[in-house]
Amino acid sequence: MNKQIRRAFAALVATTALTSGLLSAVSPAHAATASDVASLARANEGRHYCDTNSLGGSGFQGPQENSCTGFPWCADFAGWVWANAGDHSIDVNTLTQGSWTFYNYGKNHGTLHTDPNYRPQIGDAAVYNATVDANGYASHADHVGLVTKTNTDGSIEITNGNFGTDNTTSTVLTEVISAAQVPVGSYQSGEGKTVSAYVSPSGLAALPPSSSSSPLQVSGDFNGDGRADMAIMYRRGDGSIQPITALGDTAGHIGGFDLGGTTIPAGAWDWNSFQVYPGDFNGDGRTDLGVMYKQADGRISFMHAMADTTGRIGTFNNAVTIAAAAGWDYNAIRLTTGDFNGDKRTDVGLLYHHADGAIDVLTALSASYNGDLTNFTGNTIPASAGWDWNGIKLTSGDINGDGRADMAIMYRRGDGSIQPITALGDTAGHIGGFDLGGTTITAGAWDWNSFQLYPGDFNGDKRTDLGVMYKQTDGRISFMHAMADTTGRIGTFNNAVTIAAAAGWDYNAIRLTTGDFNGDKRTDVGLLYHHADGAIDVLTALSASYNGDLTGFTGNTIPAAAGWDWNGIKLA
């Protein structure tokens, strides 16, 4: 097939914006989502410019055209799709029939993505061969298409109007773009065109925040749209450290790690001296990032950086510090977070192991809407109780559904059996005794060193359940969930999804997190997977039903060519 497409717009500088004439074809009942954009674009595959479109109108004509011949129409198609998706909530008022106007749209709306590390999202416009002036605005572009699918191998699919040998016989056609060709600045398709930018539409629908009372969403909603995102602390080659966010879409997939926050200069932080944790510390409905940092002088600082409405993370400021004179051992702390007093701000909790064997169970509450913390207070499990510090795996969540976070552990007893045990929070934000024992795993059934613990409301009943990722002896990797009852006790672990041994997954190459990635009020599982060649998969498995089952893992890939340092990533 001859893929030469005539889209030279230099002589067709259109000045009239897309108007309500584009919007009259249909009035769907729901606000536009990325899925609406993709569905509408692909519903018109194979159609010519003058054909009846999928909404029953005539072609994809913009305001400048009165006939079906004599002009390129790729921008008309992309603009028509954006304008007619959902209930027309996407802003199209500055778009014309010129492809370059999509570039300028992104510039003006703050949705222009020219970073080669940006991973395009469903609904984005891809603008090719843009001529850009010193002020960053385009006066010409050769083509524009719409991203309608992202694939697990890093490839994407772009649906194009005016794909063919001339304007009258060309059609709407979708191309698969290989992972190597996706980044800005790469050549795409047989035409040898270069993508200059991806542009996200302004006005896509935001889902309402979840009504779940579970206060711990491990992978947080950093932009406040009701869906979980992922965030990392990333150590660059020069030693600087930056928080970077990747946003979730309506399908529950995670996009590119392109929302870089405030950078910590090289030398300011020791990479091996902090742990990162998420939480809505100022109560604004967006997840922020916290770090527990071991200072060189012996202090232990808890610092928070707030997220803005785009999901970017700001500057880390001190929330509370344990003085060096207190003599705390950084390596004797097991850390967690949750809204322990039910005030809709995330607090910090921990277990602290004393040299004599006693274990403190402590919380520091968010004291105000600037994210400051009170000092740590709580209770102590005395040394005489004989608890094995090395037999504890800690997490937290609203396990009994009363609107306050509790703590839960998996505890390995002396006989080798393993039991989930819950300690409930009170109205003051303190944690009680670990006395709510759940269903015990018999001795020998599980290898203590072969599982990771994670929390989530997997069945959508507004109580936090427990999950484990378990490495089976035959090479399978199983994700299992045990549901909480109204008292806070944890039931029996049942399989949610298993990665077959034939898939060849390396358990030690997985970094795990959880969150409601598609906004359906059930917690999903997300992970980063490091391939031997350096590529990194960014995957999610969605809660498929109210029994806590999971779908298979799907998502996107950061190609090895991007040069990401796996050892320079801490996942929130």
Protein backbone atom coordinates (compact mmCIF):
# COMPACT_ATOMS: atom_id res chain seq x y z
CA MET A 1 0.00 0.00 0.00
CA ASN A 2 1.28 3.46 -0.87
CA LYS A 3 1.37 5.37 2.40
CA GLN A 4 2.18 8.76 0.95
CA ILE A 5 -0.37 11.11 2.44
CA ARG A 6 -0.71 14.69 1.29
CA ARG A 7 -1.08 16.79 4.38
CA ALA A 8 0.85 19.95 3.51
CA PHE A 9 -1.02 22.77 5.20
CA ALA A 10 1.30 25.73 4.60
CA ALA A 11 -1.09 27.26 2.08
CA LEU A 12 -4.18 26.48 4.12
CA VAL A 13 -3.77 28.65 7.21
CA ALA A 14 -7.27 28.35 8.63
CA THR A 15 -8.46 30.95 11.09
CA THR A 16 -11.91 29.77 12.06
CA ALA A 17 -12.07 27.59 15.21
CA LEU A 18 -14.05 24.39 15.50
CA THR A 19 -17.50 25.50 16.56
CA SER A 20 -20.74 24.04 17.73
CA GLY A 21 -21.34 22.82 14.17
CA LEU A 22 -19.01 19.95 14.98
CA LEU A 23 -20.93 19.22 18.15
CA SER A 24 -24.43 18.80 16.82
CA ALA A 25 -24.27 15.19 15.71
CA VAL A 26 -24.86 13.48 19.04
CA SER A 27 -25.37 14.16 22.73
CA PRO A 28 -24.22 11.12 24.74
CA ALA A 29 -25.15 10.95 28.40
CA HIS A 30 -21.68 10.80 29.96
CA ALA A 31 -18.65 13.09 30.02
CA ALA A 32 -15.81 12.33 27.63
CA THR A 33 -13.17 9.81 28.68
CA ALA A 34 -10.03 8.60 26.93
CA SER A 35 -11.91 5.42 26.08
CA ASP A 36 -14.63 7.49 24.39
CA VAL A 37 -12.00 9.13 22.19
CA ALA A 38 -10.50 5.79 21.20
CA SER A 39 -13.85 4.12 20.61
CA LEU A 40 -15.17 6.94 18.41
CA ALA A 41 -11.98 7.11 16.34
CA ARG A 42 -11.85 3.38 15.72
CA ALA A 43 -15.54 3.13 14.98
CA ASN A 44 -14.79 5.05 11.79
CA GLU A 45 -11.94 2.90 10.47
CA GLY A 46 -12.15 2.41 6.74
CA ARG A 47 -14.45 5.36 6.16
CA HIS A 48 -13.70 8.04 3.56
CA TYR A 49 -14.10 11.75 4.10
CA CYS A 50 -17.61 11.96 2.59
CA ASP A 51 -18.96 8.73 4.07
CA THR A 52 -21.62 8.72 6.75
CA ASN A 53 -19.73 8.72 10.05
CA SER A 54 -20.46 6.40 12.98
CA LEU A 55 -22.67 9.06 14.58
CA GLY A 56 -24.86 9.35 11.48
CA GLY A 57 -23.52 12.64 10.16
CA SER A 58 -21.73 13.45 6.92
CA GLY A 59 -18.00 12.74 7.03
CA PHE A 60 -15.67 14.61 9.36
CA GLN A 61 -15.93 18.10 7.91
CA GLY A 62 -14.66 21.06 9.84
CA PRO A 63 -15.92 24.63 9.53
CA GLN A 64 -13.77 25.55 6.50
CA GLU A 65 -15.03 22.90 4.08
CA ASN A 66 -18.11 22.91 1.88
CA SER A 67 -17.19 19.93 -0.30
CA CYS A 68 -15.44 16.58 0.03
CA THR A 69 -12.46 17.17 -2.24
CA GLY A 70 -9.37 19.25 -2.61
CA PHE A 71 -7.90 19.43 0.88
CA PRO A 72 -6.19 17.23 3.49
CA TRP A 73 -8.45 16.19 6.38
CA CYS A 74 -6.37 14.50 9.09
CA ALA A 75 -6.82 17.47 11.46
CA ASP A 76 -10.54 17.59 10.69
CA PHE A 77 -10.87 13.94 11.72
CA ALA A 78 -8.86 14.34 14.95
CA GLY A 79 -10.77 17.49 15.87
CA TRP A 80 -14.11 15.87 15.06
CA VAL A 81 -13.33 12.92 17.33
CA TRP A 82 -12.24 15.13 20.25
CA ALA A 83 -15.30 17.34 19.78
CA ASN A 84 -17.82 14.50 19.65
CA ALA A 85 -16.43 12.13 22.29
CA GLY A 86 -18.70 11.65 25.30
CA ASP A 87 -20.78 14.72 26.11
CA HIS A 88 -18.43 17.10 24.26
CA SER A 89 -16.51 18.06 27.40
CA ILE A 90 -13.17 18.20 25.52
CA ASP A 91 -12.20 21.79 24.77
CA VAL A 92 -11.71 22.18 20.99
CA ASN A 93 -12.25 25.92 20.64
CA THR A 94 -8.74 26.79 19.42
CA LEU A 95 -8.41 23.95 16.88
CA THR A 96 -8.69 24.51 13.13
CA GLN A 97 -8.13 22.32 10.06
CA GLY A 98 -4.36 22.83 10.43
CA SER A 99 -2.42 20.02 12.09
CA TRP A 100 -0.11 22.54 13.74
CA THR A 101 -3.01 23.96 15.77
CA PHE A 102 -2.97 20.78 17.88
CA TYR A 103 0.64 21.58 18.81
CA ASN A 104 -0.33 25.12 19.80
CA TYR A 105 -3.37 23.79 21.66
CA GLY A 106 -1.02 21.71 23.83
CA LYS A 107 1.24 24.70 24.37
CA ASN A 108 -1.65 26.87 25.52
CA HIS A 109 -3.38 24.23 27.64
CA GLY A 110 -0.25 22.90 29.33
CA THR A 111 -0.73 19.46 27.74
CA LEU A 112 2.14 19.53 25.22
CA HIS A 113 4.53 16.60 25.67
CA THR A 114 7.88 16.94 23.90
CA ASP A 115 10.00 14.92 26.35
CA PRO A 116 11.25 11.69 24.70
CA ASN A 117 10.55 9.92 28.02
CA TYR A 118 6.83 10.71 27.80
CA ARG A 119 4.66 7.65 27.28
CA PRO A 120 1.64 8.66 25.16
CA GLN A 121 -1.82 8.07 26.59
CA ILE A 122 -5.02 6.94 24.93
CA GLY A 123 -6.76 10.03 23.54
CA ASP A 124 -3.54 11.98 22.88
CA ALA A 125 -2.95 13.61 19.51
CA ALA A 126 0.38 12.81 17.82
CA VAL A 127 1.67 15.79 15.82
CA TYR A 128 4.26 15.14 13.10
CA ASN A 129 6.97 17.33 11.55
CA ALA A 130 5.99 20.53 13.31
CA THR A 131 7.80 23.77 12.47
CA VAL A 132 8.22 25.58 15.78
CA ASP A 133 9.32 29.18 16.32
CA ALA A 134 11.52 30.68 19.03
CA ASN A 135 8.47 31.20 21.27
CA GLY A 136 7.57 27.53 21.14
CA TYR A 137 4.58 27.81 18.78
CA ALA A 138 4.10 25.86 15.55
CA SER A 139 3.28 27.42 12.18
CA HIS A 140 3.13 24.16 10.22
CA ALA A 141 2.84 20.40 10.72
CA ASP A 142 2.56 17.53 8.27
CA HIS A 143 0.04 15.33 10.05
CA VAL A 144 -1.90 14.61 13.22
CA GLY A 145 -3.38 11.30 14.45
CA LEU A 146 -4.95 10.01 17.67
CA VAL A 147 -3.50 7.44 20.09
CA THR A 148 -6.20 4.80 20.52
CA LYS A 149 -4.37 1.94 22.22
CA THR A 150 -1.26 1.25 24.31
CA ASN A 151 0.20 -2.26 24.36
CA THR A 152 2.21 -4.21 26.92
CA ASP A 153 5.22 -4.46 24.59
CA GLY A 154 5.57 -0.66 24.55
CA SER A 155 3.96 -0.21 21.15
CA ILE A 156 0.98 2.07 20.60
CA GLU A 157 -1.76 2.29 17.98
CA ILE A 158 -2.57 5.56 16.22
CA THR A 159 -5.79 6.08 14.30
CA ASN A 160 -5.39 8.52 11.40
CA GLY A 161 -7.77 10.39 9.16
CA ASN A 162 -6.76 10.95 5.51
CA PHE A 163 -4.58 7.83 5.26
CA GLY A 164 -3.98 7.04 1.62
CA THR A 165 -2.72 8.33 -1.71
CA ASP A 166 -5.01 11.34 -2.09
CA ASN A 167 -7.58 13.30 -0.13
CA THR A 168 -10.65 11.85 -1.82
CA THR A 169 -9.79 8.14 -1.70
CA SER A 170 -7.90 8.11 1.61
CA THR A 171 -9.54 6.52 4.66
CA VAL A 172 -9.44 6.35 8.44
CA LEU A 173 -6.78 3.77 9.26
CA THR A 174 -5.02 2.58 12.42
CA GLU A 175 -1.28 1.90 12.48
CA VAL A 176 0.66 -0.05 15.08
CA ILE A 177 3.75 1.92 16.09
CA SER A 178 6.62 -0.11 17.53
CA ALA A 179 8.04 0.72 20.96
CA ALA A 180 11.26 1.99 19.38
CA GLN A 181 9.32 4.46 17.25
CA VAL A 182 7.02 5.78 19.99
CA PRO A 183 9.24 8.44 21.68
CA VAL A 184 9.09 12.05 20.54
CA GLY A 185 11.74 12.57 17.87
CA SER A 186 11.43 9.05 16.47
CA TYR A 187 10.40 8.16 12.92
CA GLN A 188 7.04 6.51 12.56
CA SER A 189 5.32 4.62 9.72
CA GLY A 190 6.51 4.11 6.19
CA GLU A 191 6.34 7.82 5.45
CA GLY A 192 9.41 8.64 7.52
CA LYS A 193 7.63 11.37 9.43
CA THR A 194 8.88 12.40 12.85
CA VAL A 195 6.56 12.83 15.81
CA SER A 196 7.21 16.30 17.23
CA ALA A 197 4.88 16.10 20.22
CA TYR A 198 2.00 14.34 21.85
CA VAL A 199 -0.88 16.54 22.97
CA SER A 200 -3.44 15.54 25.59
CA PRO A 201 -7.00 16.84 25.27
CA SER A 202 -8.26 19.28 27.88
CA GLY A 203 -11.61 18.45 29.44
CA LEU A 204 -11.57 14.67 29.78
CA ALA A 205 -13.91 13.51 32.51
CA ALA A 206 -12.50 13.03 36.01
CA LEU A 207 -14.07 10.27 38.08
CA PRO A 208 -15.30 11.16 41.56
CA PRO A 209 -13.11 10.15 44.51
CA SER A 210 -13.76 6.70 45.91
CA SER A 211 -16.17 6.54 48.83
CA SER A 212 -14.24 3.65 50.33
CA SER A 213 -13.33 4.24 53.94
CA SER A 214 -10.05 2.39 53.51
CA PRO A 215 -7.52 5.10 54.37
CA LEU A 216 -4.46 3.47 52.87
CA GLN A 217 -4.11 3.54 49.13
CA VAL A 218 -0.56 2.38 48.75
CA SER A 219 -0.16 3.60 45.21
CA GLY A 220 -1.91 6.94 45.63
CA ASP A 221 -4.23 9.20 43.69
CA PHE A 222 -1.66 11.93 43.13
CA ASN A 223 -3.80 14.15 40.87
CA GLY A 224 -7.09 13.60 42.70
CA ASP A 225 -9.11 12.16 39.78
CA GLY A 226 -10.37 9.12 41.69
CA ARG A 227 -7.91 6.65 40.13
CA ALA A 228 -4.63 5.46 41.58
CA ASP A 229 -1.36 6.49 39.96
CA MET A 230 2.23 5.41 40.56
CA ALA A 231 5.05 7.55 41.89
CA ILE A 232 8.72 6.84 42.31
CA MET A 233 11.78 8.51 43.74
CA TYR A 234 14.36 8.29 40.97
CA ARG A 235 18.13 8.68 41.32
CA ARG A 236 19.64 10.16 38.20
CA GLY A 237 23.16 9.57 36.92
CA ASP A 238 24.40 12.86 38.39
CA GLY A 239 23.24 11.84 41.89
CA SER A 240 20.20 14.09 42.00
CA ILE A 241 16.94 12.53 43.19
CA GLN A 242 13.52 13.41 41.77
CA PRO A 243 9.95 12.34 42.51
CA ILE A 244 8.23 11.33 39.25
CA THR A 245 4.56 10.45 38.80
CA ALA A 246 2.86 8.27 36.18
CA LEU A 247 -0.90 8.77 35.97
CA GLY A 248 -3.54 6.07 35.64
CA ASP A 249 -6.18 6.05 32.91
CA THR A 250 -9.80 4.89 32.87
CA ALA A 251 -8.75 1.40 31.76
CA GLY A 252 -6.57 1.03 34.86
CA HIS A 253 -3.27 1.28 32.97
CA ILE A 254 -0.40 3.46 34.06
CA GLY A 255 1.09 5.98 31.66
CA GLY A 256 4.60 7.33 31.33
CA PHE A 257 6.67 8.51 34.27
CA ASP A 258 6.81 12.07 32.95
CA LEU A 259 5.42 14.27 35.75
CA GLY A 260 8.70 15.22 37.37
CA GLY A 261 8.52 17.01 40.72
CA THR A 262 10.98 19.15 42.65
CA THR A 263 14.49 17.71 42.36
CA ILE A 264 16.75 17.10 45.36
CA PRO A 265 20.23 18.26 44.25
CA ALA A 266 23.09 15.80 44.00
CA GLY A 267 24.74 15.26 47.38
CA ALA A 268 21.82 16.57 49.44
CA TRP A 269 20.41 13.11 50.23
CA ASP A 270 22.03 9.72 50.74
CA TRP A 271 20.14 7.27 48.52
CA ASN A 272 20.54 4.45 51.05
CA SER A 273 19.25 6.49 53.99
CA PHE A 274 15.54 6.89 53.30
CA GLN A 275 12.28 5.04 52.81
CA VAL A 276 9.43 6.50 50.76
CA TYR A 277 5.74 6.28 51.69
CA PRO A 278 2.51 7.79 50.29
CA GLY A 279 -0.45 9.50 51.96
CA ASP A 280 -2.83 12.46 51.82
CA PHE A 281 -1.08 14.34 54.61
CA ASN A 282 -2.81 17.70 54.14
CA GLY A 283 -6.31 16.35 53.46
CA ASP A 284 -6.80 17.89 50.01
CA GLY A 285 -7.91 14.64 48.35
CA ARG A 286 -4.59 14.10 46.57
CA THR A 287 -1.89 11.66 47.64
CA ASP A 288 1.44 13.19 48.63
CA LEU A 289 4.86 11.62 49.21
CA GLY A 290 6.66 11.18 52.49
CA VAL A 291 10.14 9.99 53.37
CA MET A 292 11.69 8.73 56.57
CA TYR A 293 15.28 9.97 56.37
CA LYS A 294 18.27 8.93 58.50
CA GLN A 295 20.37 12.05 59.01
CA ALA A 296 24.13 11.77 59.31
CA ASP A 297 24.02 13.16 62.89
CA GLY A 298 21.61 10.47 64.10
CA ARG A 299 18.32 12.34 63.74
CA ILE A 300 15.47 10.61 61.95
CA SER A 301 13.37 13.04 59.94
CA PHE A 302 9.91 12.48 58.51
CA MET A 303 9.41 14.82 55.54
CA HIS A 304 6.42 15.36 53.25
CA ALA A 305 6.10 16.82 49.74
CA MET A 306 2.61 17.73 48.52
CA ALA A 307 1.10 16.89 45.13
CA ASP A 308 -0.54 19.54 42.96
CA THR A 309 -3.62 19.13 40.76
CA THR A 310 -1.51 17.73 37.90
CA GLY A 311 0.03 15.02 40.11
CA ARG A 312 3.45 16.66 40.35
CA ILE A 313 5.25 16.42 43.69
CA GLY A 314 6.60 19.61 45.28
CA THR A 315 9.36 20.32 47.80
CA PHE A 316 10.00 18.08 50.81
CA ASN A 317 9.51 19.87 54.13
CA ASN A 318 10.06 18.53 57.63
CA ALA A 319 6.96 17.10 59.31
CA VAL A 320 8.53 15.82 62.54
CA THR A 321 12.05 14.79 63.63
CA ILE A 322 13.24 12.30 66.22
CA ALA A 323 16.20 13.93 67.96
CA ALA A 324 19.54 12.13 67.91
CA ALA A 325 19.47 12.16 71.72
CA ALA A 326 16.47 9.82 71.63
CA GLY A 327 18.83 7.13 70.39
CA TRP A 328 16.50 5.61 67.78
CA ASP A 329 17.95 2.93 65.52
CA TYR A 330 16.78 3.59 61.94
CA ASN A 331 17.12 -0.10 61.11
CA ALA A 332 14.79 -1.06 64.01
CA ILE A 333 11.78 0.66 62.42
CA ARG A 334 8.99 -0.93 60.36
CA LEU A 335 6.96 1.82 58.77
CA THR A 336 3.36 2.16 57.57
CA THR A 337 0.75 4.87 56.98
CA GLY A 338 -2.99 5.34 57.41
CA ASP A 339 -5.68 7.68 58.74
CA PHE A 340 -5.46 6.34 62.27
CA ASN A 341 -7.81 8.88 63.90
CA GLY A 342 -10.32 9.18 61.05
CA ASP A 343 -9.84 12.90 60.27
CA LYS A 344 -9.25 12.26 56.53
CA ARG A 345 -5.56 13.09 56.73
CA THR A 346 -2.91 10.38 56.54
CA ASP A 347 -0.79 9.73 59.61
CA VAL A 348 2.42 7.76 60.05
CA GLY A 349 2.63 4.55 62.06
CA LEU A 350 5.49 2.25 62.95
CA LEU A 351 6.73 -0.63 64.99
CA TYR A 352 9.99 0.01 66.87
CA HIS A 353 12.15 -2.85 68.11
CA HIS A 354 14.08 -2.20 71.31
CA ALA A 355 17.33 -3.98 72.02
CA ASP A 356 15.70 -5.81 74.97
CA GLY A 357 12.99 -7.27 72.71
CA ALA A 358 10.17 -4.86 73.55
CA ILE A 359 8.23 -3.52 70.54
CA ASP A 360 6.63 -0.07 70.49
CA VAL A 361 3.44 0.39 68.44
CA LEU A 362 3.41 4.10 67.63
CA THR A 363 1.56 6.67 65.53
CA ALA A 364 2.28 10.32 64.65
CA LEU A 365 -0.87 12.15 63.58
CA SER A 366 -1.17 14.76 60.86
CA ALA A 367 -1.53 17.84 63.01
CA SER A 368 -2.69 20.39 60.46
CA TYR A 369 -3.36 20.97 56.79
CA ASN A 370 0.30 21.75 56.09
CA GLY A 371 1.18 18.09 56.67
CA ASP A 372 3.03 18.52 59.98
CA LEU A 373 3.02 15.52 62.31
CA THR A 374 2.66 15.26 66.08
CA ASN A 375 5.27 13.34 68.00
CA PHE A 376 5.04 9.55 68.04
CA THR A 377 2.95 8.09 70.87
CA GLY A 378 1.39 4.70 71.51
CA ASN A 379 1.75 1.43 73.33
CA THR A 380 4.43 -1.18 73.95
CA ILE A 381 4.47 -4.95 73.59
CA PRO A 382 6.75 -5.90 76.51
CA ALA A 383 9.81 -8.04 75.98
CA SER A 384 8.27 -10.64 78.27
CA ALA A 385 5.60 -11.33 75.62
CA GLY A 386 8.35 -13.04 73.63
CA TRP A 387 7.47 -11.65 70.19
CA ASP A 388 9.87 -12.58 67.38
CA TRP A 389 10.81 -9.35 65.56
CA ASN A 390 12.01 -11.32 62.55
CA GLY A 391 8.64 -13.07 62.37
CA ILE A 392 6.62 -9.90 61.67
CA LYS A 393 5.50 -8.46 58.31
CA LEU A 394 3.54 -5.20 58.79
CA THR A 395 0.84 -3.37 56.85
CA SER A 396 -2.18 -1.18 57.65
CA GLY A 397 -5.66 -0.23 56.50
CA ASP A 398 -9.23 0.17 57.75
CA ILE A 399 -9.64 -3.52 58.41
CA ASN A 400 -12.91 -3.38 60.35
CA GLY A 401 -14.47 -0.61 58.25
CA ASP A 402 -14.97 1.99 60.99
CA GLY A 403 -13.25 4.82 59.09
CA ARG A 404 -9.99 4.61 61.03
CA ALA A 405 -6.84 2.78 60.02
CA ASP A 406 -5.71 -0.29 61.91
CA MET A 407 -2.47 -2.28 61.76
CA ALA A 408 -2.16 -5.86 60.60
CA ILE A 409 0.76 -8.25 60.58
CA MET A 410 1.58 -11.66 59.28
CA TYR A 411 3.19 -13.38 62.26
CA ARG A 412 5.38 -16.47 62.14
CA ARG A 413 4.98 -18.52 65.31
CA GLY A 414 7.63 -20.75 66.82
CA ASP A 415 6.06 -23.88 65.35
CA GLY A 416 6.34 -22.45 61.81
CA SER A 417 2.66 -21.61 61.39
CA ILE A 418 1.82 -18.16 60.04
CA GLN A 419 -1.17 -16.10 61.14
CA PRO A 420 -2.64 -12.72 60.18
CA ILE A 421 -3.27 -10.66 63.34
CA THR A 422 -5.00 -7.28 63.54
CA ALA A 423 -4.65 -4.43 66.06
CA LEU A 424 -7.48 -1.90 65.87
CA GLY A 425 -7.17 1.88 66.03
CA ASP A 426 -9.12 4.07 68.44
CA THR A 427 -10.58 7.58 68.15
CA ALA A 428 -7.33 9.08 69.49
CA GLY A 429 -5.35 7.47 66.67
CA HIS A 430 -3.62 4.93 68.91
CA ILE A 431 -3.30 1.25 68.04
CA GLY A 432 -4.48 -1.39 70.50
CA GLY A 433 -3.24 -4.90 71.07
CA PHE A 434 -2.57 -7.42 68.31
CA ASP A 435 -5.30 -9.78 69.44
CA LEU A 436 -7.62 -10.29 66.45
CA GLY A 437 -6.13 -13.47 65.03
CA GLY A 438 -7.26 -14.60 61.60
CA THR A 439 -7.12 -17.91 59.77
CA THR A 440 -3.77 -19.63 60.40
CA ILE A 441 -1.56 -21.03 57.62
CA THR A 442 -0.33 -24.38 58.90
CA ALA A 443 3.34 -25.01 59.54
CA GLY A 444 5.20 -25.94 56.37
CA ALA A 445 2.51 -24.69 53.99
CA TRP A 446 4.27 -21.37 53.30
CA ASP A 447 7.93 -20.41 53.10
CA TRP A 448 8.32 -17.27 55.25
CA ASN A 449 10.94 -15.81 52.90
CA SER A 450 8.86 -16.34 49.75
CA PHE A 451 6.07 -13.79 50.10
CA GLN A 452 5.40 -10.06 50.27
CA LEU A 453 2.40 -8.59 52.09
CA TYR A 454 0.16 -5.85 50.68
CA PRO A 455 -3.21 -4.31 51.70
CA GLY A 456 -6.33 -3.33 49.76
CA ASP A 457 -10.11 -3.43 49.60
CA PHE A 458 -10.15 -6.13 46.94
CA ASN A 459 -13.84 -6.99 47.11
CA GLY A 460 -15.19 -3.46 47.47
CA ASP A 461 -16.86 -3.86 50.90
CA LYS A 462 -15.03 -0.83 52.38
CA ARG A 463 -12.84 -2.96 54.62
CA THR A 464 -9.14 -3.44 53.97
CA ASP A 465 -8.16 -7.02 53.15
CA LEU A 466 -4.72 -8.62 52.99
CA GLY A 467 -2.90 -9.79 49.89
CA VAL A 468 0.32 -11.69 49.39
CA MET A 469 2.55 -12.21 46.39
CA TYR A 470 3.92 -15.71 46.85
CA LYS A 471 6.83 -17.41 45.06
CA GLN A 472 5.91 -21.07 44.58
CA THR A 473 8.63 -23.70 44.55
CA ASP A 474 7.76 -24.67 40.96
CA GLY A 475 8.36 -21.13 39.64
CA ARG A 476 4.78 -19.88 39.65
CA ILE A 477 4.07 -16.52 41.28
CA SER A 478 0.68 -16.43 43.00
CA PHE A 479 -1.26 -13.40 44.15
CA MET A 480 -3.62 -14.39 46.97
CA HIS A 481 -6.18 -12.40 48.96
CA ALA A 482 -7.81 -12.94 52.35
CA MET A 483 -10.88 -10.86 53.20
CA ALA A 484 -11.54 -9.00 56.44
CA ASP A 485 -14.80 -9.35 58.36
CA THR A 486 -16.65 -6.65 60.31
CA THR A 487 -14.58 -7.33 63.46
CA GLY A 488 -11.29 -6.87 61.62
CA ARG A 489 -10.34 -10.54 61.52
CA ILE A 490 -8.69 -11.87 58.35
CA GLY A 491 -10.05 -14.99 56.67
CA THR A 492 -8.54 -17.62 54.42
CA PHE A 493 -6.15 -16.77 51.58
CA ASN A 494 -7.50 -17.72 48.15
CA ASN A 495 -5.79 -17.42 44.79
CA ALA A 496 -6.57 -14.22 42.87
CA VAL A 497 -4.30 -14.71 39.85
CA THR A 498 -1.15 -16.74 39.11
CA ILE A 499 1.74 -16.09 36.75
CA ALA A 500 2.61 -19.44 35.18
CA ALA A 501 6.12 -20.79 35.59
CA ALA A 502 6.41 -20.89 31.79
CA ALA A 503 6.20 -17.08 31.73
CA GLY A 504 9.67 -17.03 33.29
CA TRP A 505 9.05 -14.24 35.80
CA ASP A 506 11.80 -13.52 38.30
CA TYR A 507 10.23 -12.93 41.73
CA ASN A 508 13.17 -10.76 42.73
CA ALA A 509 12.66 -8.48 39.72
CA ILE A 510 9.25 -7.28 40.94
CA ARG A 511 8.43 -4.08 42.84
CA LEU A 512 4.89 -4.23 44.11
CA THR A 513 2.18 -1.73 44.99
CA THR A 514 -1.62 -1.52 45.20
CA GLY A 515 -4.33 1.02 44.41
CA ASP A 516 -7.69 1.49 42.73
CA PHE A 517 -6.21 2.04 39.27
CA ASN A 518 -9.49 2.11 37.32
CA GLY A 519 -11.65 3.92 39.86
CA ASP A 520 -14.20 1.14 40.47
CA LYS A 521 -13.76 1.26 44.28
CA ARG A 522 -11.93 -2.06 44.44
CA THR A 523 -8.20 -2.26 45.00
CA ASP A 524 -6.02 -3.56 42.17
CA VAL A 525 -2.40 -4.74 42.12
CA GLY A 526 0.35 -2.88 40.29
CA LEU A 527 4.01 -3.60 39.81
CA LEU A 528 7.21 -2.70 38.06
CA TYR A 529 9.00 -5.65 36.44
CA HIS A 530 12.67 -5.47 35.49
CA HIS A 531 13.71 -7.46 32.42
CA ALA A 532 17.23 -8.77 32.01
CA ASP A 533 17.78 -6.46 29.02
CA GLY A 534 16.95 -3.37 31.11
CA ALA A 535 13.36 -2.82 29.96
CA ILE A 536 10.86 -2.15 32.75
CA ASP A 537 7.21 -3.20 32.52
CA VAL A 538 4.63 -1.00 34.27
CA LEU A 539 1.72 -3.38 34.86
CA THR A 540 -1.62 -3.58 36.66
CA ALA A 541 -3.97 -6.48 37.41
CA LEU A 542 -7.50 -5.25 38.09
CA SER A 543 -9.93 -6.63 40.65
CA ALA A 544 -12.26 -8.48 38.34
CA SER A 545 -15.17 -9.16 40.67
CA TYR A 546 -16.39 -8.82 44.20
CA ASN A 547 -14.68 -12.06 45.26
CA GLY A 548 -11.30 -10.37 44.93
CA ASP A 549 -10.14 -12.21 41.80
CA LEU A 550 -7.69 -10.33 39.58
CA THR A 551 -7.36 -10.05 35.82
CA GLY A 552 -4.02 -10.83 34.22
CA PHE A 553 -1.30 -8.20 34.31
CA THR A 554 -1.30 -5.74 31.40
CA GLY A 555 0.27 -2.35 30.81
CA ASN A 556 3.16 -0.56 29.19
CA THR A 557 6.94 -0.93 28.94
CA ILE A 558 9.76 1.52 29.48
CA PRO A 559 12.15 0.29 26.76
CA ALA A 560 15.72 -0.61 27.60
CA ALA A 561 16.83 2.17 25.27
CA ALA A 562 15.43 4.72 27.73
CA GLY A 563 18.34 3.82 30.03
CA TRP A 564 16.45 3.70 33.33
CA ASP A 565 18.46 2.55 36.36
CA TRP A 566 16.48 -0.17 38.14
CA ASN A 567 18.57 0.33 41.28
CA GLY A 568 17.73 4.03 41.19
CA ILE A 569 13.98 3.49 41.65
CA LYS A 570 12.03 3.53 44.90
CA LEU A 571 8.34 2.87 44.27
CA ALA A 572 5.81 4.56 46.55
